[in-house]
Protein backbone atom coordinates (compact mmCIF):
# COMPACT_ATOMS: atom_id res chain seq x y z
CA MET A 1 10.91 26.31 -35.32
CA ALA A 2 10.08 22.43 -35.32
CA ALA A 3 10.19 20.66 -38.17
CA ASN A 4 7.11 19.25 -39.81
CA LYS A 5 6.21 15.14 -40.47
CA PRO A 6 6.65 13.54 -43.57
CA TYR A 7 3.47 14.49 -45.96
CA LEU A 8 3.41 10.85 -47.51
CA LEU A 9 5.06 7.38 -46.78
CA VAL A 10 3.93 4.50 -49.08
CA GLU A 11 5.32 0.42 -48.80
CA TRP A 12 5.67 -1.92 -51.99
CA ASN A 13 6.03 -5.30 -51.53
CA ASP A 14 7.56 -7.13 -54.69
CA THR A 15 5.61 -10.17 -56.14
CA GLU A 16 8.76 -12.00 -57.34
CA THR A 17 11.04 -12.12 -54.76
CA ASP A 18 11.04 -11.01 -50.87
CA ALA A 19 12.35 -7.41 -51.50
CA LYS A 20 10.47 -4.66 -50.05
CA GLY A 21 10.50 -0.86 -50.64
CA TRP A 22 8.91 2.07 -49.43
CA LEU A 23 8.94 5.61 -50.93
CA CYS A 24 8.66 8.96 -48.76
CA VAL A 25 7.73 12.62 -49.42
CA TYR A 26 8.50 14.87 -46.74
CA ASN A 27 7.19 17.59 -48.24
CA PHE A 28 6.35 19.17 -52.08
CA VAL A 29 7.26 22.59 -52.95
CA ASN A 30 5.54 24.30 -56.24
CA ASN A 31 3.85 20.38 -56.51
CA TYR A 32 7.05 18.77 -57.30
CA CYS A 33 9.58 17.05 -54.77
CA GLY A 34 13.24 14.96 -55.42
CA GLY A 35 15.49 12.61 -53.76
CA GLY A 36 17.42 9.64 -54.68
CA THR A 37 16.44 6.05 -54.00
CA ARG A 38 18.79 3.41 -52.42
CA MET A 39 18.99 -0.44 -52.38
CA HIS A 40 20.79 -2.02 -49.70
CA PRO A 41 19.55 -5.44 -47.35
CA THR A 42 19.53 -3.08 -44.68
CA VAL A 43 16.81 -0.37 -45.86
CA THR A 44 13.72 0.02 -43.61
CA ALA A 45 10.53 2.25 -43.54
CA GLU A 46 11.88 4.36 -40.65
CA GLU A 47 15.47 4.90 -42.56
CA VAL A 48 13.72 5.77 -45.29
CA VAL A 49 11.66 8.18 -43.26
CA ARG A 50 14.80 9.87 -41.57
CA LEU A 51 16.44 9.98 -45.39
CA ALA A 52 13.49 12.15 -46.85
CA THR A 53 13.36 14.27 -43.83
CA ALA A 54 17.09 15.12 -44.63
CA MET A 55 16.42 15.81 -48.05
CA GLY A 56 13.93 18.27 -47.21
CA TYR A 57 16.44 20.36 -44.85
CA LYS A 58 19.14 19.53 -48.34
CA TYR A 59 16.68 21.22 -50.49
CA ARG A 60 16.58 24.27 -47.74
CA ALA A 61 20.22 24.25 -47.28
CA CYS A 62 20.41 24.70 -51.59
CA GLU A 63 17.82 27.37 -51.41
CA SER A 64 15.72 25.86 -53.59
CA LYS A 65 12.18 27.43 -54.30
CA THR A 66 11.40 25.18 -56.62
CA THR A 67 11.61 21.18 -54.86
CA GLY A 68 10.80 19.56 -51.64
CA GLY A 69 12.60 16.34 -50.25
CA CYS A 70 11.88 12.57 -51.25
CA LYS A 71 13.76 9.04 -50.85
CA GLY A 72 12.78 6.14 -51.91
CA GLY A 73 14.30 2.87 -50.86
CA ILE A 74 14.39 -1.06 -51.19
CA ALA A 75 15.49 -3.58 -49.04
CA TYR A 76 17.37 -5.91 -51.02
CA ASP A 77 20.79 -6.96 -52.06
CA TYR A 78 22.25 -4.43 -54.53
CA LYS A 79 24.86 -6.98 -55.75
CA ALA A 80 22.09 -9.76 -56.30
CA PRO A 81 21.84 -10.68 -60.50
CA ASP A 82 18.20 -9.88 -60.50
CA ALA A 83 18.79 -5.74 -58.43
CA LYS A 84 17.96 -4.31 -62.01
CA ASP A 85 14.75 -6.34 -62.30
CA VAL A 86 13.70 -5.65 -58.40
CA LEU A 87 14.19 -1.47 -59.40
CA ARG A 88 12.24 -1.82 -62.58
CA ARG A 89 9.44 -3.37 -60.31
CA TYR A 90 9.59 -1.11 -57.78
CA LEU A 91 10.19 2.23 -59.93
CA LYS A 92 6.61 0.94 -61.94
CA ALA A 93 4.55 0.43 -58.64
CA MET A 94 5.90 4.05 -57.80
CA SER A 95 5.03 5.33 -61.37
CA PRO A 96 1.70 7.08 -60.18
CA TYR A 97 3.83 8.98 -57.82
CA LEU A 98 6.20 10.15 -60.54
CA ASN A 99 3.64 10.88 -62.79
CA CYS A 100 2.64 13.51 -60.20
CA GLY A 101 5.69 15.42 -59.21
CA VAL A 102 7.84 12.86 -57.50
CA SER A 103 11.20 13.06 -59.11
CA ILE A 104 13.62 9.95 -57.50
CA GLY A 105 16.82 9.07 -58.51
CA GLY A 106 19.81 6.95 -57.44
CA ASP A 107 21.89 6.72 -54.35
CA LEU A 108 23.59 3.83 -52.29
CA GLY A 109 23.35 0.78 -54.62
CA VAL A 110 20.91 2.46 -57.55
CA ASP A 111 22.88 3.84 -60.55
CA TYR A 112 21.06 7.10 -61.61
CA GLY A 113 21.49 6.15 -65.26
CA ASP A 114 19.75 2.74 -64.24
CA VAL A 115 17.04 4.52 -62.99
CA LEU A 116 16.59 7.55 -66.15
CA GLN A 117 16.86 3.95 -68.52
CA ILE A 118 13.91 2.55 -67.14
CA LEU A 119 12.13 5.32 -66.20
CA ASP A 120 12.19 5.93 -70.02
CA GLU A 121 11.50 1.97 -71.04
CA ILE A 122 8.02 2.29 -68.65
CA GLY A 123 7.29 5.63 -70.42
CA VAL A 124 7.72 8.00 -67.53
CA GLY A 125 10.86 9.75 -68.72
CA LEU A 126 12.16 12.34 -66.45
CA PRO A 127 9.48 12.77 -63.53
CA GLN A 128 7.66 16.32 -64.06
CA THR A 129 5.11 18.73 -63.05
CA ARG A 130 2.26 19.74 -65.67
CA ALA A 131 3.81 23.15 -65.77
CA MET A 132 7.37 21.58 -66.81
CA ARG A 133 5.83 19.65 -69.22
CA ASN A 134 4.07 22.98 -70.69
CA ASP A 135 6.97 24.93 -70.92
CA PRO A 136 9.45 24.80 -73.36
CA ALA A 137 12.23 26.06 -72.11
CA GLN A 138 12.23 23.76 -69.22
CA GLN A 139 12.19 20.94 -71.73
CA LYS A 140 14.99 22.35 -73.53
CA ARG A 141 16.96 22.03 -70.02
CA ILE A 142 15.57 18.58 -69.56
CA LYS A 143 17.63 17.80 -72.88
CA GLN A 144 20.46 19.72 -71.49
CA HIS A 145 20.24 17.42 -68.37
CA ASP A 146 20.65 14.82 -70.34
CA GLU A 147 23.60 16.26 -71.88
CA VAL A 148 25.45 17.11 -68.74
CA CYS A 149 25.12 13.84 -67.28
CA LYS A 150 27.08 12.51 -69.94
CA MET A 151 29.69 15.00 -69.60
CA THR A 152 33.01 14.76 -66.92
CA TYR A 153 34.90 16.91 -64.74
CA ASP A 154 38.70 15.73 -63.68
CA GLY A 155 37.55 12.19 -65.50
CA PHE A 156 34.54 11.62 -63.37
CA GLN A 157 30.90 11.26 -64.55
CA MET A 158 29.10 14.88 -63.81
CA TYR A 159 26.60 12.78 -61.18
CA ASP A 160 29.67 10.43 -60.02
CA MET A 161 31.89 13.50 -58.95
CA ILE A 162 29.59 16.32 -58.10
CA THR A 163 28.61 15.34 -54.31
CA GLY A 164 32.34 14.37 -53.10
CA TYR A 165 33.73 17.57 -54.79
CA GLY A 166 31.13 19.05 -52.80
CA CYS A 167 32.03 17.29 -49.48
CA ALA A 168 35.62 18.17 -50.32
CA SER A 169 34.35 21.90 -50.43
CA ALA A 170 32.76 21.52 -47.08
CA LEU A 171 35.41 19.71 -45.52
CA ASP A 172 37.92 22.15 -46.40
CA GLU A 173 36.08 25.32 -45.28
CA ALA A 174 35.53 23.44 -41.92
CA TRP A 175 38.88 22.80 -41.46
CA LYS A 176 40.04 26.32 -42.65
CA PHE A 177 37.43 27.73 -40.18
CA LYS A 178 39.16 25.83 -37.40
CA GLY A 179 42.78 27.59 -38.11
CA HIS A 180 44.17 24.70 -40.34
CA LYS A 181 45.86 24.62 -43.45
CA PRO A 182 45.53 21.55 -46.21
CA GLY A 183 47.25 18.80 -45.84
CA ALA A 184 45.12 16.86 -42.92
CA ARG A 185 45.34 13.39 -42.36
CA VAL A 186 41.82 11.53 -43.87
CA VAL A 187 39.95 8.56 -42.72
CA LEU A 188 37.15 7.69 -45.54
CA GLN A 189 34.63 4.85 -45.28
CA GLY A 190 33.02 3.98 -48.41
CA PHE A 191 34.51 3.90 -51.93
CA GLY A 192 31.61 4.79 -54.32
CA CYS A 193 31.31 7.67 -56.24
CA ALA A 194 30.82 10.08 -53.33
CA GLY A 195 33.95 8.45 -51.54
CA ALA A 196 36.32 7.79 -55.13
CA SER A 197 35.21 11.48 -56.41
CA LEU A 198 36.08 12.87 -52.87
CA ALA A 199 39.07 11.20 -52.09
CA TYR A 200 40.35 12.32 -55.63
CA CYS A 201 39.35 15.78 -55.13
CA LEU A 202 41.25 15.97 -51.54
CA ASP A 203 44.20 14.63 -52.81
CA LYS A 204 44.49 17.46 -55.54
CA TRP A 205 44.07 19.72 -52.81
CA GLY A 206 46.80 18.34 -50.76
CA TYR A 207 44.96 16.59 -48.17
CA LYS A 208 46.80 13.08 -47.40
CA LEU A 209 44.55 9.88 -47.40
CA VAL A 210 45.80 7.70 -44.65
CA GLY A 211 42.87 5.09 -45.04
CA ILE A 212 40.26 3.75 -46.86
CA ALA A 213 37.65 1.24 -46.18
CA ASP A 214 35.29 -0.38 -48.61
CA ALA A 215 32.75 -3.05 -47.82
CA ASN A 216 35.65 -5.68 -47.95
CA CYS A 217 38.70 -4.33 -45.95
CA LEU A 218 40.31 -0.99 -44.51
CA VAL A 219 43.59 0.02 -46.33
CA THR A 220 45.69 2.16 -44.50
CA CYS A 221 49.08 3.98 -44.98
CA PRO A 222 50.59 6.39 -42.57
CA ASP A 223 52.37 8.38 -45.57
CA GLY A 224 49.25 8.36 -47.62
CA LEU A 225 47.67 5.94 -50.32
CA ASP A 226 48.40 6.77 -53.79
CA VAL A 227 45.08 7.71 -54.59
CA LYS A 228 44.71 8.68 -58.06
CA LYS A 229 45.67 4.35 -58.79
CA LEU A 230 43.30 3.16 -56.22
CA VAL A 231 40.99 5.78 -58.45
CA ALA A 232 41.82 3.99 -61.74
CA THR A 233 41.54 0.46 -60.45
CA ARG A 234 38.57 0.66 -58.34
CA LYS A 235 35.96 -2.03 -59.32
CA PRO A 236 32.25 -1.91 -59.73
CA LYS A 237 30.07 -1.07 -56.74
CA GLY A 238 32.95 1.24 -55.12
CA GLU A 239 35.14 -1.51 -54.13
CA LEU A 240 39.17 -1.40 -53.78
CA ASP A 241 41.55 -4.23 -56.21
CA PRO A 242 44.33 -5.33 -53.43
CA LYS A 243 46.26 -5.76 -56.60
CA ALA A 244 46.53 -1.73 -56.67
CA PHE A 245 48.00 -2.20 -53.08
CA ALA A 246 51.30 -0.98 -52.07
CA PRO A 247 54.24 -2.94 -50.29
CA ASN A 248 53.46 -0.83 -47.70
CA TYR A 249 50.27 -0.70 -46.92
CA ALA A 250 48.69 -2.47 -44.28
CA VAL A 251 45.02 -4.71 -44.87
CA ARG A 252 42.70 -4.65 -41.71
CA SER A 253 39.15 -5.46 -41.38
CA ASN A 254 37.07 -2.76 -42.30
CA ALA A 255 35.31 -2.46 -38.83
CA GLU A 256 38.51 -1.04 -37.32
CA TRP A 257 38.08 2.49 -39.61
CA LEU A 258 37.57 4.23 -36.31
CA ASP A 259 40.95 3.20 -34.89
CA VAL A 260 42.95 4.74 -37.49
CA ASP A 261 44.78 7.89 -36.06
CA CYS A 262 43.46 10.95 -38.81
CA ASP A 263 42.70 14.77 -38.03
CA ILE A 264 39.16 14.22 -40.43
CA LEU A 265 37.04 11.58 -40.77
CA VAL A 266 34.69 10.82 -43.83
CA PRO A 267 31.89 8.17 -43.40
CA ALA A 268 30.60 8.06 -47.35
CA ALA A 269 28.67 5.19 -47.39
CA LEU A 270 25.93 4.04 -44.91
CA GLU A 271 23.68 5.29 -42.03
CA ASP A 272 24.21 4.91 -38.26
CA VAL A 273 27.76 3.71 -38.70
CA ILE A 274 29.47 6.26 -35.75
CA ASN A 275 26.64 5.69 -32.64
CA LYS A 276 26.87 5.11 -29.10
CA SER A 277 29.14 2.00 -29.30
CA ASN A 278 31.82 3.27 -31.11
CA ALA A 279 31.63 6.95 -31.01
CA ASP A 280 34.11 7.38 -27.76
CA ARG A 281 36.76 5.72 -30.59
CA VAL A 282 36.65 8.70 -33.00
CA LYS A 283 40.51 10.01 -32.99
CA ALA A 284 39.47 12.68 -35.51
CA SER A 285 38.26 16.58 -34.39
CA LEU A 286 36.29 17.02 -37.51
CA ILE A 287 33.72 14.50 -39.26
CA VAL A 288 32.27 15.31 -42.81
CA GLU A 289 29.15 13.38 -43.28
CA ALA A 290 29.60 12.16 -47.28
CA ALA A 291 26.76 9.90 -46.26
CA ASN A 292 23.29 10.63 -44.97
CA ILE A 293 22.55 10.54 -41.67
CA PRO A 294 25.88 8.13 -40.99
CA VAL A 295 25.72 9.72 -37.38
CA THR A 296 23.11 8.87 -34.61
CA PRO A 297 21.70 11.23 -32.17
CA GLU A 298 23.28 9.34 -29.16
CA ALA A 299 26.60 9.71 -30.89
CA ASP A 300 26.28 13.44 -31.32
CA THR A 301 26.26 13.78 -27.50
CA ILE A 302 29.05 11.85 -27.57
CA LEU A 303 31.31 13.53 -29.89
CA ALA A 304 29.91 17.17 -28.68
CA ARG A 305 31.12 16.17 -25.18
CA LYS A 306 34.86 15.06 -26.74
CA GLY A 307 34.70 18.40 -28.72
CA VAL A 308 34.81 16.65 -32.43
CA ASP A 309 32.79 19.20 -35.22
CA ILE A 310 30.61 18.24 -37.89
CA CYS A 311 29.81 19.09 -41.51
CA VAL A 312 26.53 18.16 -41.57
CA ASP A 313 24.92 15.77 -43.84
CA PHE A 314 22.41 17.76 -45.77
CA VAL A 315 24.57 20.91 -46.03
CA SER A 316 27.45 18.97 -46.89
CA ASN A 317 26.70 16.50 -49.79
CA MET A 318 23.82 18.20 -51.18
CA GLY A 319 26.02 18.16 -54.67
CA GLY A 320 23.41 15.46 -56.09
CA ILE A 321 20.64 17.67 -55.92
CA ARG A 322 22.15 20.95 -56.56
CA ILE A 323 23.44 19.62 -60.19
CA TYR A 324 20.01 18.61 -60.95
CA GLU A 325 18.41 21.93 -59.61
CA VAL A 326 20.87 24.42 -61.64
CA VAL A 327 20.68 22.40 -64.85
CA ILE A 328 16.77 21.45 -64.67
CA PHE A 329 16.11 24.88 -63.70
CA GLY A 330 18.55 27.10 -65.53
CA LEU A 331 20.21 28.55 -62.67
CA VAL A 332 24.27 28.12 -64.15
CA GLU A 333 25.07 27.61 -67.71
CA PRO A 334 25.01 23.69 -68.24
CA THR A 335 28.89 23.32 -68.34
CA PRO A 336 30.78 21.11 -66.34
CA GLU A 337 33.07 24.28 -64.41
CA ALA A 338 29.85 26.09 -64.37
CA ILE A 339 28.05 23.44 -62.32
CA ALA A 340 31.01 22.73 -60.54
CA ASN A 341 31.84 25.86 -59.20
CA ASP A 342 28.54 26.81 -58.01
CA THR A 343 28.02 23.85 -56.34
CA MET A 344 31.27 23.71 -54.56
CA GLY A 345 30.93 27.65 -54.07
CA ILE A 346 27.18 27.17 -51.78
CA ILE A 347 28.23 24.36 -49.77
CA ARG A 348 31.49 26.15 -48.88
CA ARG A 349 29.18 29.69 -48.03
CA GLN A 350 26.29 27.35 -46.30
CA THR A 351 29.24 25.37 -44.62
CA ARG A 352 31.19 28.51 -43.47
CA ARG A 353 27.61 30.38 -41.94
CA VAL A 354 26.91 27.18 -39.99
CA PHE A 355 30.26 26.90 -38.24
CA GLU A 356 30.29 30.81 -37.91
CA GLU A 357 26.78 30.50 -36.05
CA ALA A 358 28.35 27.42 -33.85
CA ALA A 359 30.62 29.73 -32.70
CA ARG A 360 28.99 32.55 -31.90
CA THR A 361 26.22 30.90 -30.06
CA GLY A 362 28.24 27.68 -28.51
CA LYS A 363 25.39 25.40 -30.09
CA THR A 364 26.56 22.32 -32.18
CA THR A 365 26.95 22.59 -36.08
CA ARG A 366 23.76 20.32 -36.05
CA GLN A 367 21.21 22.34 -34.00
CA VAL A 368 22.65 25.03 -35.92
CA ALA A 369 22.05 23.86 -39.14
CA ARG A 370 18.66 22.22 -38.44
CA GLU A 371 17.62 25.82 -37.11
CA LEU A 372 18.68 27.63 -39.99
CA PHE A 373 17.25 25.35 -43.03
CA VAL A 374 13.88 23.89 -41.61
CA PRO A 375 12.08 23.06 -44.76
CA THR A 376 8.55 24.73 -45.44
CA LYS A 377 4.85 22.82 -44.78
CA SER A 378 4.19 20.49 -47.86
CA ASP A 379 2.02 21.99 -50.45
CA PHE A 380 0.47 18.99 -52.93
CA PRO A 381 1.07 16.68 -55.37
CA ASP A 382 0.56 17.62 -58.96
CA ILE A 383 -2.52 15.96 -59.80
CA PRO A 384 -3.07 14.72 -63.43
CA ARG A 385 -6.64 16.00 -64.95
CA ASN A 386 -8.60 14.15 -67.90
């Protein structure tokens, strides 16, 4: 079954800076769709469409019956002093869509807490459909969602940990399916919320982080990095603190992250970082896509030839949408343990399902995942009536 085309693509131009942005709705389900908003100088309309498409698959993979996929993107430096002001103007511009069932949150370069704060300030609140607004039980769950955002698990805010722990679960399930035991050497590219919590979880489970790359450098140690210390000293915007590096750590260019000898590779930041120019350098036998669309189609072909397996992004990193789904629609008890167990459980189950089918058919895991989780055709936005 072929994928549908995205339902809607909107472009925005900031009036006060050179920022440019887009909103792409891949599909509405029950007049509703969800996805994050990212901010980075390299964001393009094509990227936002690809990300929105992945969100459509992601909601299908998490077995949602309530939500389709969308994505927002802003081409601007998320480290700029006025980045939050740019985000505010973008959300104002998109408010007509947010009031019609388009729910966008945070992603790379955009803090979900900032999105919620701005949406409250501009009078939108949490994006909902009319049916949701008129359901008292739904309104109670929305308040619970706000409470869940403030809860912690293993010292992380819930929305900061859930994607990372979900990706760790996919990694662990795939590694075991391949016949291995925990203890494998892992290289991580990206140390934002997902990367840091993923590293912490893997360290807890006995995996050895031998390399971590952030926006500034790559730090490696064949004996394993002190993950707890690196997480505890992490700077804002996902940057390592060199003051926390031990004397036996090697510090290299972050462009060399694929050159580190390892068993498992985890891209957890930007898209297209493994591509036709560098896929041959991959030393790992397993790639876990913690970032969205980090491997290009050309690289997929090279990696398949090399026998490298992939935990596909819209399965492994669905934690952020799953937590929203289960809280807003009351699928599990709104406690950190119940939410974490639910998210890690469904990601393990879907990961094993994909790997088993790939082994049975001889197809790649991405081919299988795209066949298993094709999104439904879009229905329509929730158009307000007077």
